[in-house]
């Protein structure tokens, strides 16, 4: 128990036989249950986890028959914790990249009721630029910016962080069977949490790298997939939250901005084509491009501003 709240920690693992032992052995004493979800590992991750299960009675091991992705592993752990009615459920990856000493700080906002979901933020920690591989830092920063727009949680800075905590009421409200199965799971979950107006908190944590972990993330493959996921989730959130659940004119601002900016693309191509082919720029083409571009950006920024104002009370 932690401050009279029951705590469950979900540990998703895939081929983490060299790291998972350290994760399990350093788990804080206040954790009531540790749920290791093995996503059909090819090594002896399960065997190592079961060895610790014999030593530490509060460990539960769940195996996926086939590899489904880290998001699916977390969802499996969430469903188990929800069904057992744990007050707080945290996630700590099986690769040892999450400092167990910071678990209390991560779950505190959920425990005291100030937030329904907490995300660890590695990007603003001290010398994070030099602690995190630069390509990972830049990739995370880009996806975090896109996630701000798609989810409506404009204050969340590290959307890809897997060090999280969530309340029981949030687990009961979200359809966990519909959560994205792969690395875009944190982004998809944020979008769904915003649809139901759950409060989300950002907590600074220490980045942990080069501790023997093997990253399975390929940014050139992951970024396009998550970007498409965010694009679809953005429109689903707008329709559900601002049309079905309630009404807000920001939907029209976003629709108009996308229409104007899309029209700007062929106008820009035509302008540069005429310039390259005939050496002159048609005045009408130029005026039309300036109008659609400026109007599109203005309406886009107005839509973002309205969205920020509408969701500012969701900051935990």
Foldseek 3Di string as FASTA:
>chain_A
DPPPFAEEEEEEDAQLLVQQLVVLVPADPRHQAYEYEYQCHPDVNVVSQVVVCVVDVRYHYHYDPHRQASLVSVLVVLVVCLVVQGFKYWYDYSNPFADNVCLCVQCVCSVVVVFFKEFEDALPPDVSCVVDPVVVSVLQQVLQCLLCLLLLVVPARGQQGRGMMGGSVLSVVDPSVPADRYSLRSSLSSNRCVLVLGAYEYHYDHGGDDPPGDDPDDSVVPSVVNSVVSVVSSVVSCCSRQPVVHNDCLVVLLVLLVVLVVVLVVLVVVQVVCCVPVVDGDPVSVVSNVVSNVSSVVSNVVSSVVSNVVNVSSHD
